[in-house]
């Protein structure tokens, strides 16, 4: 079968849409798109046993496509500098690092 992204009818987090990443009926992770959040309106989580297999990058890329289809042109992120994985993903997807303090401030054009 392969990777499938399923949008849930109801999210368990207020003001968000939830998407599940599955492969052969196994849940690998999930993502939220938050409605009207000024920054960090995407959250991606891959279950620990499925990390380091490219699923996080795959899910992030698919969520970016959804965001673009919804009319988003730019996404802003404020990521803790210690969150190396999140910062590396933003760099991998050609995010522009605007500034740093205790957080790294990114902008990603879609």
N, C-alpha and C. Protein backbone atom coordinates (compact mmCIF):
# COMPACT_ATOMS: atom_id res chain seq x y z
N UNK A 1 0.83 -1.17 0.00
CA UNK A 1 0.00 0.00 0.00
C UNK A 1 0.87 1.24 0.00
N UNK A 2 1.61 1.63 0.92
CA UNK A 2 2.39 2.86 0.91
C UNK A 2 1.84 3.87 1.89
N UNK A 3 2.45 5.04 1.89
CA UNK A 3 2.05 6.09 2.82
C UNK A 3 0.73 6.70 2.40
N UNK A 4 -0.12 6.92 3.40
CA UNK A 4 -1.43 7.54 3.19
C UNK A 4 -1.62 8.59 4.27
N UNK A 5 -2.14 9.75 3.87
CA UNK A 5 -2.47 10.80 4.83
C UNK A 5 -3.98 10.90 4.90
N UNK A 6 -4.51 10.81 6.10
CA UNK A 6 -5.96 10.83 6.31
C UNK A 6 -6.31 12.04 7.16
N UNK A 7 -7.24 12.85 6.66
CA UNK A 7 -7.74 13.97 7.46
C UNK A 7 -8.89 13.47 8.32
N UNK A 8 -8.79 13.71 9.61
CA UNK A 8 -9.86 13.30 10.52
C UNK A 8 -11.01 14.30 10.44
N UNK A 9 -12.22 13.82 10.62
CA UNK A 9 -13.38 14.70 10.61
C UNK A 9 -13.37 15.65 11.81
N UNK A 10 -12.91 15.17 12.94
CA UNK A 10 -12.84 15.99 14.15
C UNK A 10 -11.45 15.88 14.75
N UNK A 11 -10.86 17.03 15.03
CA UNK A 11 -9.55 17.06 15.66
C UNK A 11 -9.72 17.03 17.18
N UNK A 12 -8.74 16.45 17.86
CA UNK A 12 -8.76 16.42 19.33
C UNK A 12 -8.14 17.68 19.94
N UNK A 13 -7.71 18.62 19.09
CA UNK A 13 -7.15 19.89 19.54
C UNK A 13 -7.99 21.02 18.97
N UNK A 14 -8.40 21.93 19.84
CA UNK A 14 -9.27 23.04 19.45
C UNK A 14 -8.64 23.88 18.33
N UNK A 15 -9.48 24.33 17.42
CA UNK A 15 -9.09 25.22 16.32
C UNK A 15 -7.99 24.63 15.44
N UNK A 16 -8.12 23.35 15.12
CA UNK A 16 -7.12 22.71 14.27
C UNK A 16 -7.78 21.62 13.41
N UNK A 17 -7.04 21.24 12.38
CA UNK A 17 -7.38 20.06 11.59
C UNK A 17 -6.28 19.04 11.86
N UNK A 18 -6.65 17.78 11.99
CA UNK A 18 -5.66 16.74 12.29
C UNK A 18 -5.55 15.79 11.12
N UNK A 19 -4.30 15.44 10.79
CA UNK A 19 -3.99 14.52 9.71
C UNK A 19 -3.15 13.38 10.27
N UNK A 20 -3.48 12.17 9.89
CA UNK A 20 -2.77 10.98 10.34
C UNK A 20 -1.96 10.42 9.18
N UNK A 21 -0.70 10.07 9.44
CA UNK A 21 0.13 9.39 8.44
C UNK A 21 0.13 7.91 8.76
N UNK A 22 -0.31 7.12 7.78
CA UNK A 22 -0.35 5.67 7.94
C UNK A 22 0.41 5.00 6.81
N UNK A 23 0.92 3.81 7.10
CA UNK A 23 1.53 2.95 6.10
C UNK A 23 1.08 1.54 6.43
N UNK A 24 0.36 0.93 5.49
CA UNK A 24 -0.18 -0.42 5.72
C UNK A 24 -0.97 -0.50 7.02
N UNK A 25 -1.84 0.46 7.24
CA UNK A 25 -2.71 0.54 8.42
C UNK A 25 -1.98 0.74 9.74
N UNK A 26 -0.68 1.04 9.69
CA UNK A 26 0.08 1.35 10.90
C UNK A 26 0.21 2.87 10.98
N UNK A 27 -0.19 3.44 12.11
CA UNK A 27 -0.05 4.88 12.29
C UNK A 27 1.41 5.20 12.58
N UNK A 28 2.00 6.02 11.70
CA UNK A 28 3.39 6.41 11.85
C UNK A 28 3.53 7.72 12.61
N UNK A 29 2.53 8.58 12.46
CA UNK A 29 2.57 9.88 13.10
C UNK A 29 1.34 10.69 12.73
N UNK A 30 1.38 11.97 13.09
CA UNK A 30 0.24 12.82 12.81
C UNK A 30 0.69 14.28 12.73
N UNK A 31 -0.19 15.10 12.23
CA UNK A 31 0.10 16.53 12.11
C UNK A 31 -1.16 17.32 12.37
N UNK A 32 -0.97 18.53 12.86
CA UNK A 32 -2.07 19.48 13.04
C UNK A 32 -1.79 20.70 12.18
N UNK A 33 -2.84 21.24 11.61
CA UNK A 33 -2.80 22.57 11.02
C UNK A 33 -3.72 23.42 11.88
N UNK A 34 -3.15 24.44 12.49
CA UNK A 34 -3.91 25.30 13.39
C UNK A 34 -4.54 26.45 12.62
N UNK A 35 -5.80 26.70 12.88
CA UNK A 35 -6.53 27.78 12.23
C UNK A 35 -6.06 29.11 12.79
N UNK A 36 -5.73 30.01 11.94
CA UNK A 36 -5.44 31.41 12.26
C UNK A 36 -4.34 31.63 13.30
N UNK A 37 -3.41 30.74 13.42
CA UNK A 37 -2.26 30.97 14.30
C UNK A 37 -1.25 31.83 13.55
N UNK A 38 -0.72 32.88 14.18
CA UNK A 38 0.22 33.75 13.46
C UNK A 38 1.56 33.07 13.17
N UNK A 39 2.00 32.19 14.05
CA UNK A 39 3.26 31.45 13.89
C UNK A 39 3.03 30.00 14.32
N UNK A 40 3.89 29.15 13.84
CA UNK A 40 3.87 27.74 14.24
C UNK A 40 2.49 27.11 14.03
N UNK A 41 1.88 27.33 12.88
CA UNK A 41 0.55 26.77 12.67
C UNK A 41 0.58 25.38 12.08
N UNK A 42 1.76 24.76 12.09
CA UNK A 42 1.89 23.35 11.71
C UNK A 42 2.61 22.64 12.85
N UNK A 43 2.09 21.49 13.22
CA UNK A 43 2.76 20.65 14.20
C UNK A 43 2.87 19.26 13.59
N UNK A 44 4.05 18.67 13.62
CA UNK A 44 4.27 17.33 13.07
C UNK A 44 4.87 16.46 14.17
N UNK A 45 4.32 15.25 14.32
CA UNK A 45 4.84 14.29 15.30
C UNK A 45 4.94 12.92 14.64
N UNK A 46 6.10 12.31 14.76
CA UNK A 46 6.31 10.93 14.30
C UNK A 46 6.56 10.09 15.54
N UNK A 47 5.87 8.97 15.65
CA UNK A 47 6.05 8.09 16.80
C UNK A 47 7.51 7.65 16.88
N UNK A 48 8.08 7.61 18.09
CA UNK A 48 9.52 7.35 18.25
C UNK A 48 10.03 6.12 17.51
N UNK A 49 9.26 5.08 17.47
CA UNK A 49 9.72 3.85 16.81
C UNK A 49 9.78 3.96 15.28
N UNK A 50 9.24 5.04 14.73
CA UNK A 50 9.26 5.23 13.28
C UNK A 50 10.13 6.41 12.85
N UNK A 51 10.87 6.99 13.77
CA UNK A 51 11.72 8.14 13.45
C UNK A 51 12.97 7.69 12.70
N UNK A 52 13.61 8.66 12.06
CA UNK A 52 14.85 8.47 11.29
C UNK A 52 14.64 7.61 10.05
N UNK A 53 13.41 7.62 9.54
CA UNK A 53 13.10 6.90 8.30
C UNK A 53 12.55 7.84 7.23
N UNK A 54 12.61 9.14 7.47
CA UNK A 54 12.13 10.11 6.50
C UNK A 54 10.65 10.42 6.58
N UNK A 55 9.95 9.84 7.54
CA UNK A 55 8.51 10.07 7.65
C UNK A 55 8.17 11.50 8.06
N UNK A 56 8.99 12.09 8.92
CA UNK A 56 8.75 13.46 9.34
C UNK A 56 8.84 14.43 8.17
N UNK A 57 9.87 14.26 7.35
CA UNK A 57 10.02 15.11 6.16
C UNK A 57 8.88 14.87 5.18
N UNK A 58 8.49 13.62 5.02
CA UNK A 58 7.39 13.29 4.11
C UNK A 58 6.09 13.96 4.58
N UNK A 59 5.78 13.80 5.86
CA UNK A 59 4.54 14.37 6.39
C UNK A 59 4.58 15.89 6.32
N UNK A 60 5.71 16.49 6.66
CA UNK A 60 5.84 17.94 6.59
C UNK A 60 5.61 18.43 5.16
N UNK A 61 6.20 17.75 4.18
CA UNK A 61 6.02 18.14 2.78
C UNK A 61 4.56 18.05 2.36
N UNK A 62 3.87 17.01 2.79
CA UNK A 62 2.46 16.85 2.43
C UNK A 62 1.59 17.92 3.11
N UNK A 63 1.91 18.24 4.33
CA UNK A 63 1.16 19.29 5.04
C UNK A 63 1.40 20.65 4.37
N UNK A 64 2.62 20.89 3.90
CA UNK A 64 2.89 22.13 3.17
C UNK A 64 2.04 22.21 1.90
N UNK A 65 1.88 21.09 1.22
CA UNK A 65 1.02 21.07 0.03
C UNK A 65 -0.42 21.41 0.39
N UNK A 66 -0.88 20.88 1.50
CA UNK A 66 -2.25 21.17 1.95
C UNK A 66 -2.37 22.65 2.29
N UNK A 67 -1.38 23.18 3.01
CA UNK A 67 -1.41 24.60 3.37
C UNK A 67 -1.45 25.47 2.11
N UNK A 68 -0.67 25.11 1.12
CA UNK A 68 -0.64 25.87 -0.14
C UNK A 68 -2.00 25.80 -0.83
N UNK A 69 -2.61 24.61 -0.84
CA UNK A 69 -3.92 24.46 -1.47
C UNK A 69 -5.00 25.25 -0.74
N UNK A 70 -4.78 25.54 0.53
CA UNK A 70 -5.72 26.34 1.32
C UNK A 70 -5.47 27.84 1.16
N UNK A 71 -4.47 28.19 0.37
CA UNK A 71 -4.22 29.59 0.08
C UNK A 71 -3.06 30.22 0.84
N UNK A 72 -2.37 29.46 1.66
CA UNK A 72 -1.22 30.01 2.37
C UNK A 72 -0.07 30.25 1.40
N UNK A 73 0.61 31.36 1.59
CA UNK A 73 1.76 31.69 0.75
C UNK A 73 3.06 31.71 1.56
N UNK A 74 2.93 31.99 2.85
CA UNK A 74 4.08 32.08 3.75
C UNK A 74 3.69 31.51 5.10
N UNK A 75 4.62 30.79 5.71
CA UNK A 75 4.40 30.27 7.06
C UNK A 75 5.57 30.74 7.92
N UNK A 76 5.26 31.23 9.11
CA UNK A 76 6.29 31.69 10.04
C UNK A 76 6.41 30.70 11.19
N UNK A 77 7.65 30.50 11.63
CA UNK A 77 7.92 29.59 12.72
C UNK A 77 8.83 30.24 13.74
N UNK A 78 8.57 30.02 15.00
CA UNK A 78 9.45 30.36 16.10
C UNK A 78 9.78 29.05 16.80
N UNK A 79 10.98 28.55 16.58
CA UNK A 79 11.37 27.22 17.05
C UNK A 79 12.48 27.37 18.09
N UNK A 80 12.36 26.66 19.20
CA UNK A 80 13.44 26.67 20.20
C UNK A 80 14.73 26.24 19.53
N UNK A 81 15.81 26.94 19.82
CA UNK A 81 17.09 26.62 19.19
C UNK A 81 17.54 25.20 19.52
N UNK A 82 17.10 24.69 20.67
CA UNK A 82 17.50 23.33 21.07
C UNK A 82 16.75 22.25 20.30
N UNK A 83 15.68 22.61 19.56
CA UNK A 83 14.93 21.64 18.78
C UNK A 83 15.61 21.47 17.42
N UNK A 84 16.69 20.71 17.44
CA UNK A 84 17.53 20.54 16.26
C UNK A 84 16.75 19.93 15.09
N UNK A 85 15.92 18.94 15.36
CA UNK A 85 15.16 18.28 14.29
C UNK A 85 14.27 19.28 13.54
N UNK A 86 13.51 20.07 14.28
CA UNK A 86 12.60 21.03 13.64
C UNK A 86 13.38 22.08 12.86
N UNK A 87 14.47 22.58 13.43
CA UNK A 87 15.27 23.57 12.72
C UNK A 87 15.91 22.97 11.47
N UNK A 88 16.36 21.72 11.54
CA UNK A 88 16.94 21.07 10.37
C UNK A 88 15.91 20.87 9.26
N UNK A 89 14.67 20.53 9.64
CA UNK A 89 13.63 20.35 8.63
C UNK A 89 13.33 21.67 7.93
N UNK A 90 13.25 22.75 8.68
CA UNK A 90 13.00 24.05 8.06
C UNK A 90 14.13 24.44 7.12
N UNK A 91 15.36 24.16 7.49
CA UNK A 91 16.49 24.44 6.61
C UNK A 91 16.42 23.56 5.36
N UNK A 92 16.06 22.29 5.54
CA UNK A 92 15.95 21.35 4.41
C UNK A 92 14.91 21.81 3.40
N UNK A 93 13.84 22.43 3.88
CA UNK A 93 12.76 22.88 3.00
C UNK A 93 12.95 24.35 2.57
N UNK A 94 14.20 24.81 2.62
CA UNK A 94 14.57 26.15 2.16
C UNK A 94 13.91 27.27 2.95
N UNK A 95 13.71 27.03 4.23
CA UNK A 95 13.23 28.10 5.09
C UNK A 95 14.31 29.16 5.22
N UNK A 96 13.90 30.36 5.44
CA UNK A 96 14.83 31.47 5.61
C UNK A 96 14.89 31.81 7.10
N UNK A 97 16.07 31.70 7.67
CA UNK A 97 16.27 32.04 9.08
C UNK A 97 16.37 33.55 9.19
N UNK A 98 15.39 34.17 9.84
CA UNK A 98 15.33 35.63 9.95
C UNK A 98 16.19 36.17 11.08
N UNK A 99 16.11 35.52 12.24
CA UNK A 99 16.86 35.96 13.41
C UNK A 99 16.87 34.86 14.45
N UNK A 100 17.72 35.06 15.46
CA UNK A 100 17.80 34.10 16.56
C UNK A 100 17.94 34.85 17.88
N UNK A 101 17.24 34.34 18.87
CA UNK A 101 17.46 34.70 20.27
C UNK A 101 17.39 33.37 20.98
N UNK A 102 16.50 33.17 21.95
CA UNK A 102 16.35 31.82 22.51
C UNK A 102 15.63 30.90 21.52
N UNK A 103 15.00 31.53 20.51
CA UNK A 103 14.33 30.80 19.43
C UNK A 103 14.98 31.15 18.10
N UNK A 104 14.78 30.26 17.16
CA UNK A 104 15.14 30.53 15.77
C UNK A 104 13.86 30.97 15.09
N UNK A 105 13.89 32.10 14.41
CA UNK A 105 12.71 32.67 13.75
C UNK A 105 12.84 32.46 12.25
N UNK A 106 11.93 31.64 11.71
CA UNK A 106 11.98 31.22 10.31
C UNK A 106 10.77 31.73 9.54
N UNK A 107 10.97 31.84 8.23
CA UNK A 107 9.86 32.08 7.30
C UNK A 107 10.04 31.07 6.17
N UNK A 108 8.93 30.48 5.78
CA UNK A 108 8.95 29.49 4.72
C UNK A 108 7.92 29.90 3.66
N UNK A 109 8.40 30.14 2.45
CA UNK A 109 7.50 30.52 1.36
C UNK A 109 7.01 29.26 0.67
N UNK A 110 5.72 29.26 0.36
CA UNK A 110 5.12 28.09 -0.31
C UNK A 110 4.99 28.34 -1.80
